[in-house]
Amino acid sequence: MKKQPVSATASAAKSKKNVGSLLKSATGCLLGATAMAGAQAESVADGWEADVAILYYNETDRVSALEPAIAVKKTFDDESVVGFKLVLDALTGASANGATASNTPQTFTRPSGNGTYTSSANETPLDDTFRDTRVNLTANYEQPLEDRMNKVVWGANVSREYDFVSIGGSGTFLHDMNQRNTTLSMGFAFEQDSIKPVGGTPIPLGEMKEAGSKVRTGDESRSMVEMLLGVTQVIDAKTLMQFNYGLAVSDGYHNDAYKITSVVDDVTGVNVLSQDSGSLTNRHLYENRPDSRTKHSLYGKVKRFLGGDVADISYRYMWDDWGVASSTVDMHYRFNMSPSWYLEPHVRFYTQQAADFYTTSLTETQANALVANNGELTSDYRLGDMDATTLGLKFGFLTPNGNKSSIRVEYYNQTGTASNVIGQQNSQDLVPDVDAVIVQYNYSF
């Protein structure tokens, strides 16, 4: 959940919990939709407009999140616009640590290194003490140039969590042409992250130690540069099309410091015992992702006015040098029931191909070879093969004083596919479904 790097909603929180990608998608619906409505909202405090939103997210038996947000902006006589957005996140619950379910109970060390927790037999290991709070502040300034056919948008962002700090900036240039029926855009953004895992940074491919052990390193960092090229075209009086190409290059620490991978017997699939002094009874390795990543994306969208209603459909394809590739289809249809209220169903389909170094678990032979060669490893299901579906409905209405409000309810379901399944693992649900409910409310004035 990070900054808006260029002209699209693309916050990027650290790769720590699955709720990150869901929250940023839902928040984009909250604040992105209200930004379009803001031009017609009543002005307060000498021309300032405000959008207030609150989001509740809940995974079944896992993470819950509460996210209030406020966005304000003002348009000046010269058509320049200044805006600010403040987002607060409070997350609690249980989070998967990456280890697989086993036919026997398993004990793990907490991230702080000062205690342990135990998962029952045949259950996905979850750390039930997950807590996090985030504060994010974004500022934007939109400035038309003298000919009014060009404008620039500058942005700045700062985000802080308990173990993570990020600062960034962005700049976007937009050019109108063809009697303002065509808009070309080009944007650049940068981000610098400071990562301070609770208990220290685990040694990549090192074994999880017993509580009280402090075999860890210091803080880490990561930097990212992004570029966006886009074109928006008015096709006719009722149709609008958009096309974007995005490139993101990041360098530095990409591991999730809280994720581990189970090591099992080559034949039986039972957790193997650790031979390393100070390690837990069962052997679990911390992940080791590449220290750089290059991502490409193609995005297209069509919006059309249909007899008083509005339909839009978009498609996004992303691929990177980790072997991950994904496709996203997003569809909205807004039924304008009257001038004062509307209904908007929402359907989203997502499918992803796993990273080259993803595995659900490792055999002992594979683990020994990987450690000896300092190979790459993750069992984080967010980098595995997955499919996800979102179904939602938004109800928008005018309040008695004429301000805009909306309520959205969505259901999210994610399914994954296990790899490298051996012996007793065939009887386990190694990659269980993730089900979540999202409720969001926004008010513009």
Protein backbone atom coordinates (compact mmCIF):
# COMPACT_ATOMS: atom_id res chain seq x y z
CA MET A 1 0.00 0.00 0.00
CA LYS A 2 2.37 2.67 -1.14
CA LYS A 3 2.41 5.71 -3.24
CA GLN A 4 0.60 6.58 -6.43
CA PRO A 5 3.71 6.39 -8.62
CA VAL A 6 2.29 7.93 -11.73
CA SER A 7 -1.29 8.38 -12.95
CA ALA A 8 -2.75 5.14 -11.71
CA THR A 9 -3.64 3.83 -8.26
CA ALA A 10 -0.68 1.58 -7.43
CA SER A 11 0.28 1.62 -3.83
CA ALA A 12 2.99 -0.84 -2.92
CA ALA A 13 3.23 -1.98 0.67
CA LYS A 14 5.99 -4.31 1.70
CA SER A 15 5.60 -7.97 0.73
CA LYS A 16 4.57 -9.10 4.15
CA LYS A 17 0.95 -10.17 4.28
CA ASN A 18 -1.62 -11.17 1.69
CA VAL A 19 -4.00 -8.44 2.78
CA GLY A 20 -1.67 -5.84 1.32
CA SER A 21 -2.73 -6.38 -2.29
CA LEU A 22 -6.43 -6.64 -1.33
CA LEU A 23 -6.42 -3.47 0.73
CA LYS A 24 -4.72 -1.42 -1.90
CA SER A 25 -7.26 -2.64 -4.51
CA ALA A 26 -10.17 -1.81 -2.23
CA THR A 27 -8.70 1.56 -1.24
CA GLY A 28 -8.24 2.37 -4.90
CA CYS A 29 -11.99 1.83 -5.38
CA LEU A 30 -12.69 4.02 -2.35
CA LEU A 31 -10.58 7.04 -3.15
CA GLY A 32 -10.23 6.66 -6.91
CA ALA A 33 -13.97 6.69 -7.50
CA THR A 34 -14.56 9.59 -5.15
CA ALA A 35 -11.88 11.66 -6.86
CA MET A 36 -13.97 11.63 -10.07
CA ALA A 37 -17.04 12.62 -8.10
CA GLY A 38 -15.20 15.35 -6.23
CA ALA A 39 -15.54 17.88 -9.07
CA GLN A 40 -19.28 18.01 -8.39
CA ALA A 41 -19.09 17.84 -4.62
CA GLU A 42 -19.89 20.83 -2.45
CA SER A 43 -16.94 23.00 -1.54
CA VAL A 44 -15.99 23.59 2.07
CA ALA A 45 -13.49 25.89 3.70
CA ASP A 46 -13.08 28.21 0.74
CA GLY A 47 -13.09 25.72 -2.10
CA TRP A 48 -11.63 22.62 -0.46
CA GLU A 49 -13.31 19.32 -1.29
CA ALA A 50 -13.02 16.24 0.89
CA ASP A 51 -13.56 12.48 0.59
CA VAL A 52 -13.77 10.49 3.80
CA ALA A 53 -13.64 6.70 3.66
CA ILE A 54 -13.48 3.74 6.00
CA LEU A 55 -12.75 0.18 4.99
CA TYR A 56 -13.15 -3.07 6.91
CA TYR A 57 -11.44 -6.23 5.68
CA ASN A 58 -11.76 -9.68 7.24
CA GLU A 59 -10.28 -13.02 6.21
CA THR A 60 -11.94 -16.13 7.59
CA ASP A 61 -9.94 -17.20 10.67
CA ARG A 62 -7.03 -14.97 9.63
CA VAL A 63 -6.25 -11.29 9.29
CA SER A 64 -8.64 -8.41 9.92
CA ALA A 65 -8.02 -4.78 9.03
CA LEU A 66 -9.64 -1.43 9.68
CA GLU A 67 -8.60 1.42 7.39
CA PRO A 68 -9.91 4.98 7.73
CA ALA A 69 -8.79 7.47 5.08
CA ILE A 70 -9.35 11.10 4.15
CA ALA A 71 -8.48 12.91 0.92
CA VAL A 72 -8.78 16.68 0.42
CA LYS A 73 -8.11 18.85 -2.61
CA LYS A 74 -8.55 22.39 -3.85
CA THR A 75 -8.79 23.75 -7.39
CA PHE A 76 -7.46 27.27 -7.90
CA ASP A 77 -8.44 29.93 -10.44
CA ASP A 78 -5.50 28.99 -12.70
CA GLU A 79 -6.82 25.39 -12.79
CA SER A 80 -3.99 24.07 -10.64
CA VAL A 81 -4.99 21.50 -8.04
CA VAL A 82 -3.39 20.61 -4.72
CA GLY A 83 -4.37 17.48 -2.81
CA PHE A 84 -3.47 15.49 0.28
CA LYS A 85 -4.42 12.00 1.40
CA LEU A 86 -3.99 10.39 4.82
CA VAL A 87 -4.52 6.65 5.33
CA LEU A 88 -4.34 4.73 8.60
CA ASP A 89 -4.23 0.91 8.77
CA ALA A 90 -4.69 -1.31 11.80
CA LEU A 91 -4.19 -5.04 11.14
CA THR A 92 -4.64 -7.90 13.59
CA GLY A 93 -5.16 -11.65 13.48
CA ALA A 94 -3.34 -14.76 12.33
CA SER A 95 -1.00 -14.95 9.35
CA ALA A 96 0.42 -17.97 7.53
CA ASN A 97 4.18 -18.30 8.13
CA GLY A 98 4.89 -20.31 4.95
CA ALA A 99 5.37 -23.73 6.57
CA THR A 100 3.12 -26.57 5.42
CA ALA A 101 0.58 -28.52 7.43
CA SER A 102 1.88 -31.78 8.94
CA ASN A 103 0.43 -34.92 10.48
CA THR A 104 2.01 -33.93 13.80
CA PRO A 105 1.93 -30.67 15.84
CA GLN A 106 4.65 -28.13 14.98
CA THR A 107 6.35 -25.49 17.14
CA PHE A 108 7.75 -22.22 15.78
CA THR A 109 9.68 -19.29 17.18
CA ARG A 110 7.92 -15.94 17.16
CA PRO A 111 9.45 -13.15 15.02
CA SER A 112 10.76 -11.40 18.14
CA GLY A 113 12.71 -14.54 19.08
CA ASN A 114 11.33 -14.33 22.62
CA GLY A 115 8.66 -17.00 22.51
CA THR A 116 7.07 -19.86 20.59
CA TYR A 117 3.70 -20.86 19.18
CA THR A 118 2.37 -24.28 18.16
CA SER A 119 0.14 -25.35 15.28
CA SER A 120 -2.06 -28.41 15.60
CA ALA A 121 -1.65 -31.50 13.44
CA ASN A 122 -3.16 -31.23 9.96
CA GLU A 123 -3.58 -27.44 10.23
CA THR A 124 -1.85 -24.65 8.32
CA PRO A 125 0.71 -23.03 10.67
CA LEU A 126 -0.48 -19.53 11.60
CA ASP A 127 1.22 -16.90 13.74
CA ASP A 128 -1.73 -15.65 15.78
CA THR A 129 0.05 -12.59 17.19
CA PHE A 130 0.25 -10.65 13.95
CA ARG A 131 -0.15 -6.91 14.59
CA ASP A 132 0.69 -3.94 12.42
CA THR A 133 -0.20 -0.26 12.13
CA ARG A 134 0.56 1.93 9.16
CA VAL A 135 0.36 5.67 8.56
CA ASN A 136 0.59 6.90 4.97
CA LEU A 137 0.59 10.51 3.79
CA THR A 138 0.49 11.51 0.12
CA ALA A 139 0.62 14.98 -1.43
CA ASN A 140 -0.02 15.92 -5.08
CA TYR A 141 0.16 19.14 -7.07
CA GLU A 142 -1.32 19.42 -10.56
CA GLN A 143 -0.08 22.40 -12.59
CA PRO A 144 -1.37 23.37 -16.06
CA LEU A 145 1.23 24.93 -18.35
CA GLU A 146 0.71 28.20 -20.20
CA ASP A 147 -0.87 26.73 -23.32
CA ARG A 148 -3.37 24.74 -21.24
CA MET A 149 -2.72 21.75 -23.51
CA ASN A 150 -0.07 20.39 -21.16
CA LYS A 151 0.14 19.86 -17.43
CA VAL A 152 2.41 18.24 -14.89
CA VAL A 153 1.49 16.39 -11.72
CA TRP A 154 3.99 16.16 -8.87
CA GLY A 155 3.61 13.73 -5.99
CA ALA A 156 5.30 12.88 -2.71
CA ASN A 157 4.69 10.02 -0.30
CA VAL A 158 5.80 8.88 3.13
CA SER A 159 4.66 5.68 4.83
CA ARG A 160 5.60 4.24 8.19
CA GLU A 161 4.89 0.89 9.81
CA TYR A 162 6.32 -0.69 12.94
CA ASP A 163 9.15 -2.33 10.99
CA PHE A 164 9.09 -0.45 7.69
CA VAL A 165 9.58 3.13 6.44
CA SER A 166 9.14 4.31 2.86
CA ILE A 167 9.56 7.66 1.13
CA GLY A 168 8.97 8.43 -2.52
CA GLY A 169 8.15 10.96 -5.18
CA SER A 170 6.67 11.07 -8.66
CA GLY A 171 6.19 13.31 -11.67
CA THR A 172 3.77 12.92 -14.58
CA PHE A 173 3.52 14.95 -17.78
CA LEU A 174 0.22 14.99 -19.70
CA HIS A 175 -0.32 16.40 -23.19
CA ASP A 176 -3.74 17.00 -24.78
CA MET A 177 -4.05 16.91 -28.55
CA ASN A 178 -6.56 16.23 -31.32
CA GLN A 179 -8.97 18.85 -29.92
CA ARG A 180 -8.49 17.34 -26.44
CA ASN A 181 -9.78 13.98 -27.61
CA THR A 182 -6.37 12.39 -27.03
CA THR A 183 -4.21 12.61 -23.93
CA LEU A 184 -0.65 11.31 -23.84
CA SER A 185 0.99 10.73 -20.46
CA MET A 186 4.49 9.92 -19.25
CA GLY A 187 5.38 9.43 -15.62
CA PHE A 188 8.31 8.51 -13.43
CA ALA A 189 8.46 7.62 -9.75
CA PHE A 190 11.02 6.56 -7.18
CA GLU A 191 10.79 4.91 -3.77
CA GLN A 192 13.27 4.20 -1.00
CA ASP A 193 12.38 1.64 1.69
CA SER A 194 14.00 0.94 5.04
CA ILE A 195 13.19 -2.53 6.38
CA LYS A 196 13.63 -3.34 10.07
CA PRO A 197 12.19 -6.80 10.80
CA VAL A 198 11.10 -7.55 14.35
CA GLY A 199 13.91 -9.49 16.03
CA GLY A 200 16.36 -8.66 13.23
CA THR A 201 16.78 -9.85 9.66
CA PRO A 202 17.05 -13.66 9.36
CA ILE A 203 19.98 -15.08 7.40
CA PRO A 204 18.69 -16.24 3.98
CA LEU A 205 18.36 -20.07 3.87
CA GLY A 206 19.24 -20.16 7.56
CA GLU A 207 17.25 -22.42 9.88
CA MET A 208 14.65 -21.06 12.28
CA LYS A 209 16.24 -21.09 15.72
CA GLU A 210 14.90 -21.80 19.18
CA ALA A 211 13.40 -18.96 21.20
CA GLY A 212 16.16 -16.83 22.71
CA SER A 213 18.59 -17.34 19.81
CA LYS A 214 19.75 -14.13 18.12
CA VAL A 215 21.54 -15.36 15.00
CA ARG A 216 20.31 -12.51 12.81
CA THR A 217 21.67 -9.54 10.91
CA GLY A 218 20.77 -5.84 10.92
CA ASP A 219 18.39 -3.65 8.93
CA GLU A 220 17.93 -3.82 5.16
CA SER A 221 16.86 -1.45 2.37
CA ARG A 222 15.28 -1.49 -1.06
CA SER A 223 14.92 1.09 -3.84
CA MET A 224 12.54 1.19 -6.79
CA VAL A 225 12.16 3.26 -9.96
CA GLU A 226 8.98 3.16 -12.06
CA MET A 227 7.96 4.49 -15.46
CA LEU A 228 4.52 4.75 -17.06
CA LEU A 229 3.59 5.58 -20.66
CA GLY A 230 -0.08 5.99 -21.49
CA VAL A 231 -2.66 7.21 -23.97
CA THR A 232 -6.33 8.03 -23.37
CA GLN A 233 -8.56 8.36 -26.42
CA VAL A 234 -12.13 9.56 -26.90
CA ILE A 235 -13.57 7.20 -29.50
CA ASP A 236 -16.98 8.85 -29.82
CA ALA A 237 -19.47 10.73 -27.68
CA LYS A 238 -20.12 7.60 -25.61
CA THR A 239 -16.82 5.69 -25.59
CA LEU A 240 -13.44 6.25 -23.92
CA MET A 241 -10.36 4.02 -24.19
CA GLN A 242 -7.11 3.94 -22.22
CA PHE A 243 -3.84 2.06 -22.71
CA ASN A 244 -0.76 2.06 -20.43
CA TYR A 245 2.65 0.42 -20.35
CA GLY A 246 4.46 0.25 -17.01
CA LEU A 247 8.01 -0.66 -16.04
CA ALA A 248 9.26 -1.07 -12.47
CA VAL A 249 12.84 -1.90 -11.46
CA SER A 250 13.69 -2.58 -7.82
CA ASP A 251 16.99 -3.38 -6.14
CA GLY A 252 17.83 -4.48 -2.61
CA TYR A 253 16.14 -6.65 0.02
CA HIS A 254 13.08 -8.46 -1.40
CA ASN A 255 12.67 -11.26 1.16
CA ASP A 256 9.74 -11.50 3.51
CA ALA A 257 11.62 -11.76 6.79
CA TYR A 258 8.77 -13.66 8.45
CA LYS A 259 8.34 -16.46 5.89
CA ILE A 260 9.86 -19.94 6.18
CA THR A 261 9.80 -23.17 4.12
CA SER A 262 9.32 -26.67 5.53
CA VAL A 263 11.91 -29.38 4.84
CA VAL A 264 10.45 -32.90 4.53
CA ASP A 265 11.66 -36.45 3.98
CA ASP A 266 12.31 -37.34 0.34
CA VAL A 267 9.97 -40.34 0.45
CA THR A 268 7.46 -40.01 3.30
CA GLY A 269 6.92 -36.23 3.21
CA VAL A 270 7.21 -36.07 7.00
CA ASN A 271 9.02 -33.09 8.51
CA VAL A 272 12.71 -33.90 8.98
CA LEU A 273 14.58 -33.26 12.21
CA SER A 274 17.12 -30.47 12.31
CA GLN A 275 20.81 -31.31 12.79
CA ASP A 276 21.79 -27.68 13.38
CA SER A 277 22.59 -26.71 16.97
CA GLY A 278 20.05 -24.29 18.42
CA SER A 279 17.44 -24.93 15.71
CA LEU A 280 13.90 -26.13 16.35
CA THR A 281 13.09 -29.85 16.33
CA ASN A 282 11.80 -29.66 12.76
CA ARG A 283 13.83 -28.07 9.99
CA HIS A 284 12.53 -24.84 8.44
CA LEU A 285 14.53 -22.53 6.18
CA TYR A 286 14.10 -18.77 5.76
CA GLU A 287 13.46 -17.71 2.19
CA ASN A 288 16.00 -16.26 -0.23
CA ARG A 289 14.59 -14.18 -3.09
CA PRO A 290 16.69 -12.43 -5.76
CA ASP A 291 18.05 -9.00 -4.80
CA SER A 292 16.53 -7.32 -7.87
CA ARG A 293 13.27 -7.48 -9.80
CA THR A 294 12.10 -6.03 -13.12
CA LYS A 295 8.36 -5.93 -13.80
CA HIS A 296 6.50 -5.04 -16.99
CA SER A 297 2.77 -4.42 -17.34
CA LEU A 298 0.27 -3.73 -20.10
CA TYR A 299 -3.10 -2.23 -19.22
CA GLY A 300 -6.15 -1.48 -21.34
CA LYS A 301 -9.56 -0.11 -20.42
CA VAL A 302 -12.80 0.71 -22.25
CA LYS A 303 -15.59 2.80 -20.73
CA ARG A 304 -18.92 3.30 -22.52
CA PHE A 305 -22.18 5.11 -21.85
CA LEU A 306 -25.13 2.77 -22.49
CA GLY A 307 -28.59 4.28 -22.43
CA GLY A 308 -28.08 6.10 -19.16
CA ASP A 309 -25.80 3.47 -17.60
CA VAL A 310 -22.01 3.25 -17.63
CA ALA A 311 -19.99 0.08 -18.31
CA ASP A 312 -16.25 -0.37 -18.11
CA ILE A 313 -13.94 -3.31 -18.52
CA SER A 314 -10.17 -3.45 -18.12
CA TYR A 315 -7.43 -6.02 -18.65
CA ARG A 316 -3.92 -6.03 -17.18
CA TYR A 317 -1.07 -8.37 -18.01
CA MET A 318 2.07 -8.36 -15.84
CA TRP A 319 5.31 -10.31 -16.18
CA ASP A 320 8.70 -10.12 -14.50
CA ASP A 321 12.16 -11.67 -14.45
CA TRP A 322 11.22 -13.90 -11.50
CA GLY A 323 8.98 -15.98 -13.77
CA VAL A 324 5.76 -14.51 -12.36
CA ALA A 325 3.05 -13.68 -14.91
CA SER A 326 -0.49 -12.60 -14.16
CA SER A 327 -3.71 -11.59 -15.92
CA THR A 328 -6.46 -9.46 -14.42
CA VAL A 329 -9.92 -8.80 -15.86
CA ASP A 330 -11.96 -6.16 -14.03
CA MET A 331 -15.58 -5.31 -14.89
CA HIS A 332 -18.01 -2.68 -13.55
CA TYR A 333 -21.52 -1.81 -14.69
CA ARG A 334 -23.21 1.23 -13.16
CA PHE A 335 -27.03 1.20 -13.23
CA ASN A 336 -28.09 4.83 -12.83
CA MET A 337 -31.50 4.22 -11.27
CA SER A 338 -32.28 7.92 -10.82
CA PRO A 339 -30.37 11.21 -10.47
CA SER A 340 -29.98 10.49 -6.76
CA TRP A 341 -28.88 6.83 -6.56
CA TYR A 342 -27.23 4.00 -8.50
CA LEU A 343 -26.16 0.35 -8.23
CA GLU A 344 -22.78 -0.87 -9.49
CA PRO A 345 -21.94 -4.60 -9.63
CA HIS A 346 -18.24 -5.48 -9.79
CA VAL A 347 -16.53 -8.67 -10.98
CA ARG A 348 -12.78 -9.25 -11.00
CA PHE A 349 -10.83 -12.33 -12.12
CA TYR A 350 -7.13 -12.82 -11.45
CA THR A 351 -4.80 -15.66 -12.38
CA GLN A 352 -1.07 -15.98 -11.70
CA GLN A 353 1.84 -18.18 -12.73
CA ALA A 354 4.33 -19.04 -9.96
CA ALA A 355 7.82 -17.62 -9.58
CA ASP A 356 10.65 -19.83 -10.83
CA PHE A 357 11.94 -20.36 -7.28
CA TYR A 358 8.58 -21.07 -5.62
CA THR A 359 7.95 -24.40 -3.92
CA THR A 360 5.38 -25.45 -1.34
CA SER A 361 8.06 -27.35 0.59
CA LEU A 362 11.56 -28.83 0.09
CA THR A 363 12.81 -32.38 0.33
CA GLU A 364 15.91 -32.86 2.47
CA THR A 365 18.03 -33.54 -0.63
CA GLN A 366 16.73 -30.38 -2.32
CA ALA A 367 17.33 -28.31 0.81
CA ASN A 368 20.92 -29.47 1.20
CA ALA A 369 21.70 -28.69 -2.45
CA LEU A 370 19.98 -25.31 -2.25
CA VAL A 371 21.92 -24.25 0.84
CA ALA A 372 25.23 -25.47 -0.63
CA ASN A 373 24.67 -23.42 -3.78
CA ASN A 374 23.00 -20.40 -2.11
CA GLY A 375 19.94 -20.92 -4.28
CA GLU A 376 16.72 -18.93 -4.38
CA LEU A 377 13.66 -20.00 -2.39
CA THR A 378 10.18 -18.96 -1.32
CA SER A 379 7.06 -20.81 -0.24
CA ASP A 380 5.00 -17.63 0.03
CA TYR A 381 1.74 -18.54 -1.71
CA ARG A 382 1.47 -14.97 -3.03
CA LEU A 383 4.28 -15.95 -5.44
CA GLY A 384 2.75 -19.33 -6.29
CA ASP A 385 0.18 -20.45 -8.84
CA MET A 386 -3.14 -18.91 -7.87
CA ASP A 387 -6.57 -17.84 -9.06
CA ALA A 388 -8.72 -15.22 -7.37
CA THR A 389 -12.26 -13.95 -7.85
CA THR A 390 -13.87 -10.81 -6.44
CA LEU A 391 -17.64 -10.25 -6.51
CA GLY A 392 -19.01 -6.96 -5.28
CA LEU A 393 -21.90 -4.53 -5.28
CA LYS A 394 -21.77 -0.78 -4.70
CA PHE A 395 -24.74 1.36 -3.69
CA GLY A 396 -24.29 5.08 -4.32
CA PHE A 397 -26.67 7.82 -3.27
CA LEU A 398 -27.05 11.52 -2.51
CA THR A 399 -27.55 12.52 1.11
CA PRO A 400 -30.40 14.95 2.00
CA ASN A 401 -27.94 17.86 1.76
CA GLY A 402 -26.84 16.78 -1.73
CA ASN A 403 -23.47 15.24 -0.89
CA LYS A 404 -22.31 11.94 -2.40
CA SER A 405 -22.11 8.69 -0.41
CA SER A 406 -21.55 5.07 -1.31
CA ILE A 407 -21.38 1.66 0.34
CA ARG A 408 -19.53 -1.26 -1.25
CA VAL A 409 -19.62 -4.91 -0.14
CA GLU A 410 -17.29 -7.45 -1.76
CA TYR A 411 -16.44 -11.12 -1.40
CA TYR A 412 -12.95 -12.34 -2.28
CA ASN A 413 -11.89 -15.94 -2.86
CA GLN A 414 -8.33 -17.09 -3.60
CA THR A 415 -7.24 -20.61 -4.50
CA GLY A 416 -3.70 -21.91 -4.92
CA THR A 417 -1.95 -24.98 -6.26
CA ALA A 418 0.66 -26.90 -4.26
CA SER A 419 3.93 -28.04 -5.82
CA ASN A 420 6.46 -30.70 -4.84
CA VAL A 421 3.85 -32.79 -2.94
CA ILE A 422 5.34 -35.93 -1.36
CA GLY A 423 4.03 -38.86 0.72
CA GLN A 424 1.80 -37.85 3.62
CA GLN A 425 1.48 -34.34 2.17
CA ASN A 426 -1.05 -35.74 -0.29
CA SER A 427 -3.52 -35.95 2.60
CA GLN A 428 -2.95 -32.32 3.65
CA ASP A 429 -4.48 -29.08 2.42
CA LEU A 430 -1.11 -27.48 1.71
CA VAL A 431 -2.45 -24.30 0.10
CA PRO A 432 -5.86 -23.62 1.66
CA ASP A 433 -8.30 -21.16 0.11
CA VAL A 434 -8.37 -17.59 1.36
CA ASP A 435 -11.84 -16.10 1.77
CA ALA A 436 -12.40 -12.49 2.71
CA VAL A 437 -15.17 -9.91 3.04
CA ILE A 438 -14.56 -6.23 2.31
CA VAL A 439 -16.95 -3.47 3.35
CA GLN A 440 -16.23 0.14 2.49
CA TYR A 441 -18.07 3.43 2.96
CA ASN A 442 -17.21 6.82 1.54
CA TYR A 443 -18.65 10.30 1.86
CA SER A 444 -17.79 13.33 -0.29
CA PHE A 445 -18.41 16.93 0.72
